Amino acid sequence: MADPLYRVELTASFLERLESIEAFWVEADAGLAFDDLLAELRATVIPNLRRFPRMGRRYLANPPQSTEALALLAAMPAGAPDALREYLHGDYLVLYAAMEAQETVVLLTIRHHRQLSFDFARLWPSTPSTYD
């Protein structure tokens, strides 16, 4: 008898990240890459997670070191951090939660490896300041 298929849910933050990836590709004049991503999510990523919800690497296998991240993990409901997993698909990293009791996979966020994590233009203004 086959294991039951998990339901896959997309969070608002996952959808927002998809929008930023689309903007990234459109700005790079490579909008078809976003279409490819959507096709891969539908044809590969979501079906894989439905069948094998624990296929991704445990997020806490390499726990975060920052105070902020540790505080966020501590604020999560009991057992929730253990449900966090990372799925690397091509150039994308998907963070998701495998909720076994509900037989649900919740897609939390996605990031392309070429997207910057920091807004360097804002961090380093074009006109340098002097420090006396």
C-alpha atoms as a PDB file:
ATOM      1  CA  MET A   1       0.000   0.000   0.000  1.00  0.00           C
ATOM      2  CA  ALA A   2       1.393   3.401  -0.992  1.00  0.00           C
ATOM      3  CA  ASP A   3       1.903   6.163   1.514  1.00  0.00           C
ATOM      4  CA  PRO A   4      -0.706   8.925   1.327  1.00  0.00           C
ATOM      5  CA  LEU A   5       0.182  12.006  -0.674  1.00  0.00           C
ATOM      6  CA  TYR A   6       0.746  15.154   1.369  1.00  0.00           C
ATOM      7  CA  ARG A   7      -1.098  18.368   0.604  1.00  0.00           C
ATOM      8  CA  VAL A   8       1.206  21.259  -0.424  1.00  0.00           C
ATOM      9  CA  GLU A   9       0.349  24.799   0.667  1.00  0.00           C
ATOM     10  CA  LEU A  10       2.027  28.036  -0.401  1.00  0.00           C
ATOM     11  CA  THR A  11       2.337  30.833   2.146  1.00  0.00           C
ATOM     12  CA  ALA A  12       2.005  34.538   1.391  1.00  0.00           C
ATOM     13  CA  SER A  13       5.747  34.931   1.987  1.00  0.00           C
ATOM     14  CA  PHE A  14       6.500  32.203  -0.585  1.00  0.00           C
ATOM     15  CA  LEU A  15       4.305  33.981  -3.142  1.00  0.00           C
ATOM     16  CA  GLU A  16       6.011  37.309  -2.355  1.00  0.00           C
ATOM     17  CA  ARG A  17       9.413  35.718  -2.933  1.00  0.00           C
ATOM     18  CA  LEU A  18       8.177  34.344  -6.266  1.00  0.00           C
ATOM     19  CA  GLU A  19       7.196  37.892  -7.228  1.00  0.00           C
ATOM     20  CA  SER A  20      10.678  39.151  -6.343  1.00  0.00           C
ATOM     21  CA  ILE A  21      12.268  36.338  -8.374  1.00  0.00           C
ATOM     22  CA  GLU A  22      10.072  37.276 -11.316  1.00  0.00           C
ATOM     23  CA  ALA A  23      11.133  40.933 -10.994  1.00  0.00           C
ATOM     24  CA  PHE A  24      14.773  39.815 -10.791  1.00  0.00           C
ATOM     25  CA  TRP A  25      14.500  37.817 -14.030  1.00  0.00           C
ATOM     26  CA  VAL A  26      12.518  40.494 -15.850  1.00  0.00           C
ATOM     27  CA  GLU A  27      15.130  43.108 -14.876  1.00  0.00           C
ATOM     28  CA  ALA A  28      17.833  40.753 -16.180  1.00  0.00           C
ATOM     29  CA  ASP A  29      15.842  40.473 -19.451  1.00  0.00           C
ATOM     30  CA  ALA A  30      15.368  36.738 -18.822  1.00  0.00           C
ATOM     31  CA  GLY A  31      11.649  36.458 -18.096  1.00  0.00           C
ATOM     32  CA  LEU A  32      11.521  32.960 -19.588  1.00  0.00           C
ATOM     33  CA  ALA A  33      13.661  31.741 -16.670  1.00  0.00           C
ATOM     34  CA  PHE A  34      10.763  32.593 -14.361  1.00  0.00           C
ATOM     35  CA  ASP A  35       8.364  30.632 -16.568  1.00  0.00           C
ATOM     36  CA  ASP A  36      10.795  27.704 -16.340  1.00  0.00           C
ATOM     37  CA  LEU A  37      10.808  27.986 -12.540  1.00  0.00           C
ATOM     38  CA  LEU A  38       7.008  27.860 -12.374  1.00  0.00           C
ATOM     39  CA  ALA A  39       6.969  24.827 -14.664  1.00  0.00           C
ATOM     40  CA  GLU A  40       9.590  23.072 -12.499  1.00  0.00           C
ATOM     41  CA  LEU A  41       7.642  23.849  -9.316  1.00  0.00           C
ATOM     42  CA  ARG A  42       4.501  22.306 -10.835  1.00  0.00           C
ATOM     43  CA  ALA A  43       6.133  19.327 -12.543  1.00  0.00           C
ATOM     44  CA  THR A  44       8.917  18.378 -10.125  1.00  0.00           C
ATOM     45  CA  VAL A  45       9.165  20.196  -6.789  1.00  0.00           C
ATOM     46  CA  ILE A  46       5.548  19.979  -5.633  1.00  0.00           C
ATOM     47  CA  PRO A  47       5.018  16.350  -6.777  1.00  0.00           C
ATOM     48  CA  ASN A  48       8.286  15.327  -5.077  1.00  0.00           C
ATOM     49  CA  LEU A  49       7.279  16.986  -1.815  1.00  0.00           C
ATOM     50  CA  ARG A  50       3.806  15.437  -1.976  1.00  0.00           C
ATOM     51  CA  ARG A  51       5.355  11.969  -2.202  1.00  0.00           C
ATOM     52  CA  PHE A  52       8.506  12.495  -0.122  1.00  0.00           C
ATOM     53  CA  PRO A  53       7.863  15.329   2.368  1.00  0.00           C
ATOM     54  CA  ARG A  54      11.060  14.632   4.316  1.00  0.00           C
ATOM     55  CA  MET A  55      13.323  14.587   1.265  1.00  0.00           C
ATOM     56  CA  GLY A  56      14.865  17.980   2.033  1.00  0.00           C
ATOM     57  CA  ARG A  57      17.750  18.459   4.428  1.00  0.00           C
ATOM     58  CA  ARG A  58      16.774  19.304   8.003  1.00  0.00           C
ATOM     59  CA  TYR A  59      17.119  23.063   8.451  1.00  0.00           C
ATOM     60  CA  LEU A  60      18.536  22.628  11.950  1.00  0.00           C
ATOM     61  CA  ALA A  61      21.295  20.314  10.701  1.00  0.00           C
ATOM     62  CA  ASN A  62      23.292  23.574  10.510  1.00  0.00           C
ATOM     63  CA  PRO A  63      21.522  25.795  13.035  1.00  0.00           C
ATOM     64  CA  PRO A  64      21.657  29.554  12.599  1.00  0.00           C
ATOM     65  CA  GLN A  65      24.124  31.453  14.762  1.00  0.00           C
ATOM     66  CA  SER A  66      22.608  34.940  14.838  1.00  0.00           C
ATOM     67  CA  THR A  67      20.763  36.106  17.905  1.00  0.00           C
ATOM     68  CA  GLU A  68      17.823  37.215  15.765  1.00  0.00           C
ATOM     69  CA  ALA A  69      17.420  33.835  14.060  1.00  0.00           C
ATOM     70  CA  LEU A  70      17.751  31.956  17.343  1.00  0.00           C
ATOM     71  CA  ALA A  71      15.089  34.189  18.901  1.00  0.00           C
ATOM     72  CA  LEU A  72      12.732  33.519  15.975  1.00  0.00           C
ATOM     73  CA  LEU A  73      13.260  29.774  16.325  1.00  0.00           C
ATOM     74  CA  ALA A  74      12.606  29.968  20.068  1.00  0.00           C
ATOM     75  CA  ALA A  75       9.335  31.829  19.433  1.00  0.00           C
ATOM     76  CA  MET A  76       7.990  29.077  17.171  1.00  0.00           C
ATOM     77  CA  PRO A  77       5.488  26.557  18.552  1.00  0.00           C
ATOM     78  CA  ALA A  78       6.958  23.457  20.178  1.00  0.00           C
ATOM     79  CA  GLY A  79       8.239  21.020  17.561  1.00  0.00           C
ATOM     80  CA  ALA A  80       7.874  23.476  14.671  1.00  0.00           C
ATOM     81  CA  PRO A  81      11.618  24.109  14.182  1.00  0.00           C
ATOM     82  CA  ASP A  82      12.132  20.360  13.754  1.00  0.00           C
ATOM     83  CA  ALA A  83       9.645  20.401  10.849  1.00  0.00           C
ATOM     84  CA  LEU A  84      11.754  22.917   8.889  1.00  0.00           C
ATOM     85  CA  ARG A  85      13.554  21.516   5.862  1.00  0.00           C
ATOM     86  CA  GLU A  86      15.537  22.832   2.899  1.00  0.00           C
ATOM     87  CA  TYR A  87      15.056  21.571  -0.635  1.00  0.00           C
ATOM     88  CA  LEU A  88      17.687  22.525  -3.196  1.00  0.00           C
ATOM     89  CA  HIS A  89      16.310  22.395  -6.735  1.00  0.00           C
ATOM     90  CA  GLY A  90      18.651  23.630  -9.430  1.00  0.00           C
ATOM     91  CA  ASP A  91      19.544  27.226  -8.633  1.00  0.00           C
ATOM     92  CA  TYR A  92      16.787  27.592  -6.020  1.00  0.00           C
ATOM     93  CA  LEU A  93      16.592  26.890  -2.327  1.00  0.00           C
ATOM     94  CA  VAL A  94      13.121  26.233  -0.901  1.00  0.00           C
ATOM     95  CA  LEU A  95      12.476  26.430   2.839  1.00  0.00           C
ATOM     96  CA  TYR A  96       9.447  24.391   3.864  1.00  0.00           C
ATOM     97  CA  ALA A  97       7.806  22.735   6.844  1.00  0.00           C
ATOM     98  CA  ALA A  98       6.779  19.084   6.723  1.00  0.00           C
ATOM     99  CA  MET A  99       3.780  18.872   9.046  1.00  0.00           C
ATOM    100  CA  GLU A 100       3.410  15.124   9.497  1.00  0.00           C
ATOM    101  CA  ALA A 101       0.313  15.146  11.720  1.00  0.00           C
ATOM    102  CA  GLN A 102      -1.614  17.149   9.095  1.00  0.00           C
ATOM    103  CA  GLU A 103       0.039  15.366   6.142  1.00  0.00           C
ATOM    104  CA  THR A 104       0.863  18.814   4.786  1.00  0.00           C
ATOM    105  CA  VAL A 105       3.950  20.482   3.340  1.00  0.00           C
ATOM    106  CA  VAL A 106       3.991  24.257   3.761  1.00  0.00           C
ATOM    107  CA  LEU A 107       6.249  26.158   1.349  1.00  0.00           C
ATOM    108  CA  LEU A 108       7.642  29.067   3.364  1.00  0.00           C
ATOM    109  CA  THR A 109      10.117  30.820   1.077  1.00  0.00           C
ATOM    110  CA  ILE A 110      12.266  30.409  -2.014  1.00  0.00           C
ATOM    111  CA  ARG A 111      15.464  32.108  -3.088  1.00  0.00           C
ATOM    112  CA  HIS A 112      17.582  32.063  -6.227  1.00  0.00           C
ATOM    113  CA  HIS A 113      21.273  31.767  -5.453  1.00  0.00           C
ATOM    114  CA  ARG A 114      22.065  34.889  -7.529  1.00  0.00           C
ATOM    115  CA  GLN A 115      19.708  37.145  -5.590  1.00  0.00           C
ATOM    116  CA  LEU A 116      21.531  39.345  -3.132  1.00  0.00           C
ATOM    117  CA  SER A 117      20.538  39.068   0.490  1.00  0.00           C
ATOM    118  CA  PHE A 118      21.432  42.670   1.193  1.00  0.00           C
ATOM    119  CA  ASP A 119      20.526  45.970  -0.409  1.00  0.00           C
ATOM    120  CA  PHE A 120      24.081  47.198  -0.948  1.00  0.00           C
ATOM    121  CA  ALA A 121      22.981  50.415  -2.646  1.00  0.00           C
ATOM    122  CA  ARG A 122      21.159  51.410   0.518  1.00  0.00           C
ATOM    123  CA  LEU A 123      23.954  50.220   2.790  1.00  0.00           C
ATOM    124  CA  TRP A 124      26.658  52.153   0.900  1.00  0.00           C
ATOM    125  CA  PRO A 125      25.364  55.482  -0.430  1.00  0.00           C
ATOM    126  CA  SER A 126      26.973  56.819  -3.586  1.00  0.00           C
ATOM    127  CA  THR A 127      28.293  59.894  -1.762  1.00  0.00           C
ATOM    128  CA  PRO A 128      30.744  58.820   0.906  1.00  0.00           C
ATOM    129  CA  SER A 129      30.522  60.310   4.352  1.00  0.00           C
ATOM    130  CA  THR A 130      33.552  61.489   6.201  1.00  0.00           C
ATOM    131  CA  TYR A 131      34.223  60.542   9.757  1.00  0.00           C
ATOM    132  CA  ASP A 132      36.233  62.948  11.835  1.00  0.00           C
END
